[in-house]
């Protein structure tokens, strides 16, 4: 069976956790930060687990993640 290609955009956006779950960054932390509260920016900084409904799509985009 041939090797599968990884979508490079997905490889840059997703990581595996120690337990094997797929992690992602939260959105809305790039610009226009002065109007956002400090607590909100701290919450947005943390990585979260990808939804179980989206995991299959991510696995297809990055099979060797």
C-alpha atoms as a PDB file:
ATOM      1  CA  UNK A   1       0.000   0.000   0.000  1.00  0.00           C
ATOM      2  CA  UNK A   2       1.447   3.426  -0.878  1.00  0.00           C
ATOM      3  CA  UNK A   3       2.324   6.017   1.696  1.00  0.00           C
ATOM      4  CA  UNK A   4      -0.317   8.667   2.381  1.00  0.00           C
ATOM      5  CA  UNK A   5       0.376  12.357   2.040  1.00  0.00           C
ATOM      6  CA  UNK A   6      -0.161  14.691   4.972  1.00  0.00           C
ATOM      7  CA  UNK A   7      -1.938  17.994   4.433  1.00  0.00           C
ATOM      8  CA  UNK A   8       0.709  20.428   5.620  1.00  0.00           C
ATOM      9  CA  UNK A   9      -1.834  22.930   6.978  1.00  0.00           C
ATOM     10  CA  UNK A  10      -3.293  20.229   9.236  1.00  0.00           C
ATOM     11  CA  UNK A  11       0.162  19.136  10.404  1.00  0.00           C
ATOM     12  CA  UNK A  12       0.865  22.678  11.585  1.00  0.00           C
ATOM     13  CA  UNK A  13      -2.446  23.068  13.424  1.00  0.00           C
ATOM     14  CA  UNK A  14      -2.877  19.777  15.268  1.00  0.00           C
ATOM     15  CA  UNK A  15      -0.769  17.820  17.772  1.00  0.00           C
ATOM     16  CA  UNK A  16      -1.153  14.560  19.682  1.00  0.00           C
ATOM     17  CA  UNK A  17      -1.425  14.638  23.442  1.00  0.00           C
ATOM     18  CA  UNK A  18       0.389  12.162  25.644  1.00  0.00           C
ATOM     19  CA  UNK A  19      -2.721  10.006  25.850  1.00  0.00           C
ATOM     20  CA  UNK A  20      -3.157  10.025  22.052  1.00  0.00           C
ATOM     21  CA  UNK A  21      -5.927  12.601  21.718  1.00  0.00           C
ATOM     22  CA  UNK A  22      -5.737  15.271  19.026  1.00  0.00           C
ATOM     23  CA  UNK A  23      -5.230  18.788  20.368  1.00  0.00           C
ATOM     24  CA  UNK A  24      -5.875  22.159  18.712  1.00  0.00           C
ATOM     25  CA  UNK A  25      -5.527  25.859  19.496  1.00  0.00           C
ATOM     26  CA  UNK A  26      -8.542  28.055  20.092  1.00  0.00           C
ATOM     27  CA  UNK A  27      -9.560  30.745  17.629  1.00  0.00           C
ATOM     28  CA  UNK A  28      -9.724  34.540  18.108  1.00  0.00           C
ATOM     29  CA  UNK A  29      -6.327  35.048  19.767  1.00  0.00           C
ATOM     30  CA  UNK A  30      -4.498  36.702  16.841  1.00  0.00           C
ATOM     31  CA  UNK A  31      -5.452  40.364  16.724  1.00  0.00           C
ATOM     32  CA  UNK A  32      -7.828  42.956  18.206  1.00  0.00           C
ATOM     33  CA  UNK A  33      -6.660  41.848  21.632  1.00  0.00           C
ATOM     34  CA  UNK A  34      -7.010  45.179  23.446  1.00  0.00           C
ATOM     35  CA  UNK A  35     -10.783  44.908  23.687  1.00  0.00           C
ATOM     36  CA  UNK A  36     -10.658  41.358  25.057  1.00  0.00           C
ATOM     37  CA  UNK A  37     -10.337  40.837  28.786  1.00  0.00           C
ATOM     38  CA  UNK A  38      -7.220  39.251  30.267  1.00  0.00           C
ATOM     39  CA  UNK A  39      -9.219  36.280  31.520  1.00  0.00           C
ATOM     40  CA  UNK A  40     -10.652  35.709  28.054  1.00  0.00           C
ATOM     41  CA  UNK A  41      -7.191  35.833  26.473  1.00  0.00           C
ATOM     42  CA  UNK A  42      -5.880  33.337  29.027  1.00  0.00           C
ATOM     43  CA  UNK A  43      -8.751  30.973  28.216  1.00  0.00           C
ATOM     44  CA  UNK A  44      -8.080  31.332  24.494  1.00  0.00           C
ATOM     45  CA  UNK A  45      -4.397  30.497  24.981  1.00  0.00           C
ATOM     46  CA  UNK A  46      -5.029  26.980  26.202  1.00  0.00           C
ATOM     47  CA  UNK A  47      -5.087  23.989  23.889  1.00  0.00           C
ATOM     48  CA  UNK A  48      -8.244  21.894  23.759  1.00  0.00           C
ATOM     49  CA  UNK A  49      -9.143  18.415  22.557  1.00  0.00           C
ATOM     50  CA  UNK A  50     -10.627  18.177  19.071  1.00  0.00           C
ATOM     51  CA  UNK A  51     -14.290  17.157  19.062  1.00  0.00           C
ATOM     52  CA  UNK A  52     -14.909  13.445  18.560  1.00  0.00           C
ATOM     53  CA  UNK A  53     -16.981  14.290  15.467  1.00  0.00           C
ATOM     54  CA  UNK A  54     -14.029  16.047  13.828  1.00  0.00           C
ATOM     55  CA  UNK A  55     -11.350  13.495  14.778  1.00  0.00           C
ATOM     56  CA  UNK A  56     -11.967  11.333  11.713  1.00  0.00           C
ATOM     57  CA  UNK A  57     -11.447  14.300   9.386  1.00  0.00           C
ATOM     58  CA  UNK A  58      -8.235  15.287  11.111  1.00  0.00           C
ATOM     59  CA  UNK A  59      -6.969  11.696  10.945  1.00  0.00           C
ATOM     60  CA  UNK A  60      -7.525  11.684   7.183  1.00  0.00           C
ATOM     61  CA  UNK A  61      -5.719  15.005   6.746  1.00  0.00           C
ATOM     62  CA  UNK A  62      -2.761  13.991   8.926  1.00  0.00           C
ATOM     63  CA  UNK A  63      -2.497  10.184   9.009  1.00  0.00           C
ATOM     64  CA  UNK A  64       0.939  10.096  10.711  1.00  0.00           C
ATOM     65  CA  UNK A  65       0.218  12.738  13.345  1.00  0.00           C
END
